[in-house]
Amino acid sequence: MLSSLLLSTLAVSAAQVSAQLNKPVANPSFYWPTMSNVLHPNLTPQSFSYSQWKWGLIPRSCKAAAEKDNLSPYDIEVLDVWLGDCDTKWIMCRHNKADVSQVNFVERFGRLPVGMRDHVRHVVGCIAGYASGQTGDVVLKGDVGNPSTASIWFHEVGHALDHQNGQYSNQAENFAENMIVAAYDTLVPGGVQGMPNPQPAWWQVYNQYTQVKNGMGDKIRKIPGKRCSRKAGLSDTIVCMGPAASDSGNCAGVSQFKIAQEGQGNNGTATPPPPEFGEVEYFDLKTGRLTSHKH
């Protein structure tokens, strides 16, 4: 049975979705790197700025993602990220040895249509391995700053949309892969019919990706002037990275840094950790320049 979040996202009934998404994942699969290289330049970049938190505090889900992969939470960089089409920040987490740089990590996230980003709470960039999307959080690994990985972002955010209470719908992979095809057909001039070869015959999956495309609607479209409308809450609870961070004094008062979820208290705004950042990086979309300023 499809999750209620997926149903609300697609705005169609479970019976309709089941009737359309009732086939195995395409085999052979589409060649995602080729599609990604075409998709990437058709994704609209945003101006952005970001700053790194003082070491010691971390969103609970970022800490859990590191520990799940046997990584130390002490090696996670926590970033406040502001994008040009949103007045509220995202909190992104990156392992300090991740293949993707901070600036590319933020820039690639900003290229996703804002309607998709609305459903993302945290993005975690770790070392090469699995990728996953759940409960509004997305874990990405490998060089996800490379244009050839654009499809991975759509796939994993698709999983985040299709996830509820730890259970995936029985068409999770089908939905996530058709999310890529639907986005390609929406954002790339000529759509899937103009895809570079070799690719599977697009008409064989036409009903699948069209169902996702129609259901997602504006969430995967480029709409000039569209602003964010956050759906996934602003952050998980903020916790201490571990005893070493606590012993250093960098987790003092951590119990007060609980984030109000959207629509609950404080109008959904977050009480951030102490503003003890180093430099803030600003990317100017008009000039294409990245500059650093003391915060």
Protein backbone atom coordinates (compact mmCIF):
# COMPACT_ATOMS: atom_id res chain seq x y z
CA MET A 1 0.00 0.00 0.00
CA LEU A 2 1.40 3.40 -0.89
CA SER A 3 2.26 5.78 1.94
CA SER A 4 -0.09 8.67 2.69
CA LEU A 5 2.78 11.07 2.00
CA LEU A 6 3.20 9.61 -1.48
CA LEU A 7 -0.50 9.79 -2.09
CA SER A 8 -0.66 13.42 -1.07
CA THR A 9 2.38 14.15 -3.21
CA LEU A 10 0.89 12.54 -6.28
CA ALA A 11 -2.64 13.78 -5.55
CA VAL A 12 -4.16 10.62 -6.98
CA SER A 13 -5.87 7.62 -5.41
CA ALA A 14 -4.05 4.46 -4.37
CA ALA A 15 -6.03 2.53 -6.96
CA GLN A 16 -4.89 4.84 -9.75
CA VAL A 17 -1.24 4.68 -8.69
CA SER A 18 -1.33 0.91 -8.35
CA ALA A 19 -2.87 0.62 -11.78
CA GLN A 20 -0.02 2.60 -13.29
CA LEU A 21 2.97 1.63 -11.12
CA ASN A 22 2.42 -2.12 -11.12
CA LYS A 23 5.36 -3.29 -13.21
CA PRO A 24 8.96 -4.27 -12.39
CA VAL A 25 11.73 -1.68 -12.55
CA ALA A 26 12.85 -1.15 -16.16
CA ASN A 27 15.30 -3.84 -17.26
CA PRO A 28 17.65 -3.00 -18.81
CA SER A 29 17.80 0.19 -16.79
CA PHE A 30 18.19 3.60 -18.32
CA TYR A 31 21.80 4.73 -18.53
CA TRP A 32 21.61 7.29 -15.75
CA PRO A 33 25.03 9.00 -16.21
CA THR A 34 24.20 9.91 -19.81
CA MET A 35 20.79 11.19 -18.80
CA SER A 36 22.33 13.07 -15.86
CA ASN A 37 24.81 14.91 -18.07
CA VAL A 38 21.92 16.17 -20.19
CA LEU A 39 19.67 16.86 -17.22
CA HIS A 40 22.22 18.81 -15.16
CA PRO A 41 22.54 21.94 -17.35
CA ASN A 42 18.74 22.15 -17.50
CA LEU A 43 18.51 22.49 -13.71
CA THR A 44 18.30 26.11 -12.60
CA PRO A 45 21.06 27.06 -10.13
CA GLN A 46 20.32 29.27 -7.13
CA SER A 47 22.40 31.90 -5.44
CA PHE A 48 23.40 30.54 -2.05
CA SER A 49 25.37 31.09 1.11
CA TYR A 50 26.41 28.66 3.81
CA SER A 51 28.32 28.59 7.07
CA GLN A 52 29.73 25.73 9.12
CA TRP A 53 28.65 25.17 12.70
CA LYS A 54 31.10 25.17 15.53
CA TRP A 55 32.22 21.57 16.08
CA GLY A 56 30.23 19.65 18.69
CA LEU A 57 26.53 19.88 17.83
CA ILE A 58 24.73 17.90 15.13
CA PRO A 59 21.16 17.04 14.06
CA ARG A 60 20.25 13.65 15.49
CA SER A 61 19.47 12.12 12.07
CA CYS A 62 22.88 13.22 10.71
CA LYS A 63 24.59 11.55 13.66
CA ALA A 64 22.55 8.39 13.09
CA ALA A 65 23.46 8.34 9.37
CA ALA A 66 27.17 8.50 10.23
CA GLU A 67 26.95 5.78 12.86
CA LYS A 68 24.92 3.51 10.55
CA ASP A 69 27.89 3.50 8.18
CA ASN A 70 30.46 3.05 10.99
CA LEU A 71 31.65 6.64 10.64
CA SER A 72 32.46 8.95 13.52
CA PRO A 73 29.98 11.79 14.13
CA TYR A 74 33.03 13.84 15.12
CA ASP A 75 33.99 13.94 11.43
CA ILE A 76 30.68 15.42 10.28
CA GLU A 77 30.55 19.07 9.19
CA VAL A 78 27.19 20.71 9.84
CA LEU A 79 26.21 23.54 7.51
CA ASP A 80 23.52 26.20 7.63
CA VAL A 81 22.49 26.69 3.99
CA TRP A 82 20.49 29.57 2.54
CA LEU A 83 19.25 29.37 -1.03
CA GLY A 84 18.02 32.28 -3.11
CA ASP A 85 14.42 31.04 -3.38
CA CYS A 86 13.82 30.44 0.32
CA ASP A 87 13.72 32.57 3.45
CA THR A 88 14.41 29.63 5.76
CA LYS A 89 17.63 27.66 5.89
CA TRP A 90 18.34 24.00 5.33
CA ILE A 91 20.78 22.17 7.60
CA MET A 92 23.08 19.93 5.58
CA CYS A 93 25.68 17.52 6.95
CA ARG A 94 28.87 16.40 5.21
CA HIS A 95 31.61 13.97 6.21
CA ASN A 96 34.96 15.74 6.10
CA LYS A 97 36.31 13.09 3.72
CA ALA A 98 33.29 13.00 1.41
CA ASP A 99 34.05 13.01 -2.31
CA VAL A 100 31.88 16.08 -2.83
CA SER A 101 33.13 19.48 -1.64
CA GLN A 102 31.01 21.72 0.56
CA VAL A 103 30.40 24.22 -2.22
CA ASN A 104 29.41 21.60 -4.81
CA PHE A 105 27.23 19.81 -2.26
CA VAL A 106 25.25 22.98 -1.59
CA GLU A 107 25.16 24.07 -5.24
CA ARG A 108 23.83 20.74 -6.50
CA PHE A 109 21.09 20.66 -3.88
CA GLY A 110 20.04 24.15 -4.93
CA ARG A 111 19.54 22.95 -8.52
CA LEU A 112 16.68 20.64 -7.55
CA PRO A 113 13.26 22.17 -8.23
CA VAL A 114 12.15 24.02 -5.11
CA GLY A 115 8.96 21.94 -4.99
CA MET A 116 11.11 18.86 -4.36
CA ARG A 117 13.43 20.59 -1.88
CA ASP A 118 10.35 21.54 0.14
CA HIS A 119 10.06 17.88 1.14
CA VAL A 120 13.67 17.54 2.30
CA ARG A 121 14.69 18.14 5.90
CA HIS A 122 18.40 17.21 5.97
CA VAL A 123 20.85 16.12 3.26
CA VAL A 124 23.84 14.07 4.43
CA GLY A 125 26.95 13.62 2.29
CA CYS A 126 29.07 10.65 3.34
CA ILE A 127 31.84 8.46 1.95
CA ALA A 128 31.20 6.18 -1.03
CA GLY A 129 28.60 3.50 -0.40
CA TYR A 130 24.83 3.33 -0.23
CA ALA A 131 22.43 6.21 -0.73
CA SER A 132 19.02 6.46 0.83
CA GLY A 133 16.06 8.74 1.33
CA GLN A 134 13.68 8.53 4.25
CA THR A 135 11.42 10.63 6.48
CA GLY A 136 12.51 13.82 4.74
CA ASP A 137 16.22 13.06 5.06
CA VAL A 138 18.47 12.08 2.17
CA VAL A 139 21.87 10.36 2.48
CA LEU A 140 24.13 10.61 -0.57
CA LYS A 141 27.54 9.05 -1.15
CA GLY A 142 30.22 9.29 -3.77
CA ASP A 143 30.93 12.36 -5.89
CA VAL A 144 27.38 13.70 -5.99
CA GLY A 145 28.79 17.05 -7.08
CA ASN A 146 29.60 15.56 -10.49
CA PRO A 147 27.01 16.44 -13.17
CA SER A 148 26.86 12.75 -14.12
CA THR A 149 25.19 12.04 -10.76
CA ALA A 150 22.24 14.44 -11.15
CA SER A 151 19.87 11.48 -11.42
CA ILE A 152 20.92 10.25 -7.96
CA TRP A 153 19.52 13.41 -6.37
CA PHE A 154 16.12 12.87 -8.00
CA HIS A 155 16.11 9.16 -7.17
CA GLU A 156 16.88 9.61 -3.48
CA VAL A 157 14.59 12.59 -2.94
CA GLY A 158 11.96 10.40 -4.62
CA HIS A 159 12.52 7.82 -1.89
CA ALA A 160 12.19 10.52 0.76
CA LEU A 161 8.79 11.42 -0.68
CA ASP A 162 7.75 7.76 -0.71
CA HIS A 163 8.72 6.96 2.86
CA GLN A 164 6.64 6.86 6.00
CA ASN A 165 7.30 5.38 9.43
CA GLY A 166 10.25 3.33 8.18
CA GLN A 167 8.29 1.48 5.49
CA TYR A 168 8.61 1.88 1.74
CA SER A 169 5.78 1.34 -0.69
CA ASN A 170 6.00 -1.90 -2.66
CA GLN A 171 6.82 0.14 -5.75
CA ALA A 172 9.58 2.21 -4.11
CA GLU A 173 12.32 1.57 -6.67
CA ASN A 174 9.89 1.88 -9.54
CA PHE A 175 8.66 5.22 -8.23
CA ALA A 176 12.20 6.56 -7.59
CA GLU A 177 13.47 5.58 -11.04
CA ASN A 178 10.41 6.96 -12.75
CA MET A 179 10.95 10.16 -10.78
CA ILE A 180 14.18 10.61 -12.76
CA VAL A 181 12.49 9.94 -16.09
CA ALA A 182 9.57 12.22 -15.20
CA ALA A 183 11.95 15.03 -14.22
CA TYR A 184 13.95 14.54 -17.43
CA ASP A 185 10.80 14.66 -19.54
CA THR A 186 9.68 17.82 -17.73
CA LEU A 187 12.94 19.76 -17.58
CA VAL A 188 14.88 18.81 -20.72
CA PRO A 189 13.71 20.24 -24.07
CA GLY A 190 12.51 17.36 -26.23
CA GLY A 191 11.91 15.17 -23.17
CA VAL A 192 12.56 11.45 -23.10
CA GLN A 193 11.81 11.06 -26.79
CA GLY A 194 15.01 12.97 -27.50
CA MET A 195 17.20 11.01 -25.08
CA PRO A 196 20.65 10.08 -26.33
CA ASN A 197 21.16 6.46 -27.28
CA PRO A 198 21.57 3.80 -26.09
CA GLN A 199 18.50 3.90 -23.85
CA PRO A 200 15.59 1.48 -23.43
CA ALA A 201 12.59 2.21 -25.61
CA TRP A 202 10.92 5.13 -23.84
CA TRP A 203 7.42 4.12 -24.94
CA GLN A 204 7.68 0.90 -22.91
CA VAL A 205 7.63 2.93 -19.69
CA TYR A 206 5.49 5.81 -20.94
CA ASN A 207 2.53 5.05 -18.66
CA GLN A 208 4.82 4.71 -15.62
CA TYR A 209 6.73 7.96 -15.87
CA THR A 210 3.68 9.89 -17.11
CA GLN A 211 1.76 8.87 -13.99
CA VAL A 212 4.58 10.17 -11.80
CA LYS A 213 5.02 13.29 -13.91
CA ASN A 214 1.35 14.19 -13.78
CA GLY A 215 1.11 13.43 -10.09
CA MET A 216 4.17 15.47 -9.14
CA GLY A 217 3.01 18.43 -11.20
CA ASP A 218 4.69 21.69 -10.22
CA LYS A 219 7.03 19.95 -7.79
CA ILE A 220 9.37 18.96 -10.63
CA ARG A 221 8.91 22.04 -12.80
CA LYS A 222 11.01 25.17 -13.13
CA ILE A 223 8.65 28.00 -12.20
CA PRO A 224 10.21 31.48 -12.34
CA GLY A 225 9.77 33.32 -9.06
CA LYS A 226 8.48 30.29 -7.14
CA ARG A 227 9.45 30.38 -3.45
CA CYS A 228 9.87 27.53 -1.00
CA SER A 229 7.08 26.21 1.21
CA ARG A 230 8.82 23.80 3.55
CA LYS A 231 6.92 20.55 4.13
CA ALA A 232 9.40 18.31 5.96
CA GLY A 233 10.06 20.44 9.05
CA LEU A 234 13.22 22.45 9.59
CA SER A 235 15.42 20.06 11.55
CA ASP A 236 15.62 17.00 13.69
CA THR A 237 16.51 17.49 17.37
CA ILE A 238 20.03 18.87 17.86
CA VAL A 239 22.30 16.60 19.90
CA CYS A 240 25.92 16.41 20.99
CA MET A 241 28.33 14.56 18.68
CA GLY A 242 29.67 12.57 21.62
CA PRO A 243 31.57 12.67 24.94
CA ALA A 244 34.63 14.39 23.45
CA ALA A 245 32.49 17.26 22.20
CA SER A 246 30.72 17.47 25.54
CA ASP A 247 34.01 17.44 27.45
CA SER A 248 35.28 20.30 25.29
CA GLY A 249 32.36 22.45 26.39
CA ASN A 250 30.92 22.69 22.88
CA CYS A 251 27.64 21.01 23.80
CA ALA A 252 26.73 23.21 26.75
CA GLY A 253 22.98 23.75 26.93
CA VAL A 254 22.28 21.29 24.13
CA SER A 255 18.95 20.32 25.67
CA GLN A 256 17.49 23.72 24.78
CA PHE A 257 18.28 23.40 21.09
CA LYS A 258 15.17 21.53 20.06
CA ILE A 259 13.81 22.55 16.72
CA ALA A 260 10.17 23.51 16.36
CA GLN A 261 8.56 21.52 13.58
CA GLU A 262 6.63 23.42 10.95
CA GLY A 263 3.28 24.55 12.31
CA GLN A 264 4.23 23.90 15.95
CA GLY A 265 5.36 26.68 18.23
CA ASN A 266 7.48 29.63 17.21
CA ASN A 267 5.78 29.52 13.79
CA GLY A 268 8.02 26.68 12.67
CA THR A 269 11.23 28.66 13.10
CA ALA A 270 14.34 27.06 14.52
CA THR A 271 16.35 27.94 17.59
CA PRO A 272 19.86 27.44 16.23
CA PRO A 273 22.99 26.41 18.06
CA PRO A 274 25.27 29.24 19.22
CA PRO A 275 26.25 31.34 16.15
CA GLU A 276 29.95 30.59 16.40
CA PHE A 277 30.90 30.16 12.77
CA GLY A 278 34.11 30.88 10.96
CA GLU A 279 33.62 32.18 7.46
CA VAL A 280 30.41 32.39 5.49
CA GLU A 281 30.66 31.46 1.83
CA TYR A 282 28.49 33.46 -0.57
CA PHE A 283 27.80 32.48 -4.18
CA ASP A 284 26.55 35.29 -6.41
CA LEU A 285 24.49 33.87 -9.26
CA LYS A 286 24.93 37.00 -11.39
CA THR A 287 28.73 37.13 -11.19
CA GLY A 288 29.36 33.41 -10.66
CA ARG A 289 31.80 34.30 -7.88
CA LEU A 290 32.21 32.61 -4.50
CA THR A 291 33.43 34.95 -1.77
CA SER A 292 34.20 34.45 1.92
CA HIS A 293 33.27 36.80 4.74
CA LYS A 294 33.68 36.61 8.48
CA HIS A 295 30.40 35.89 10.21
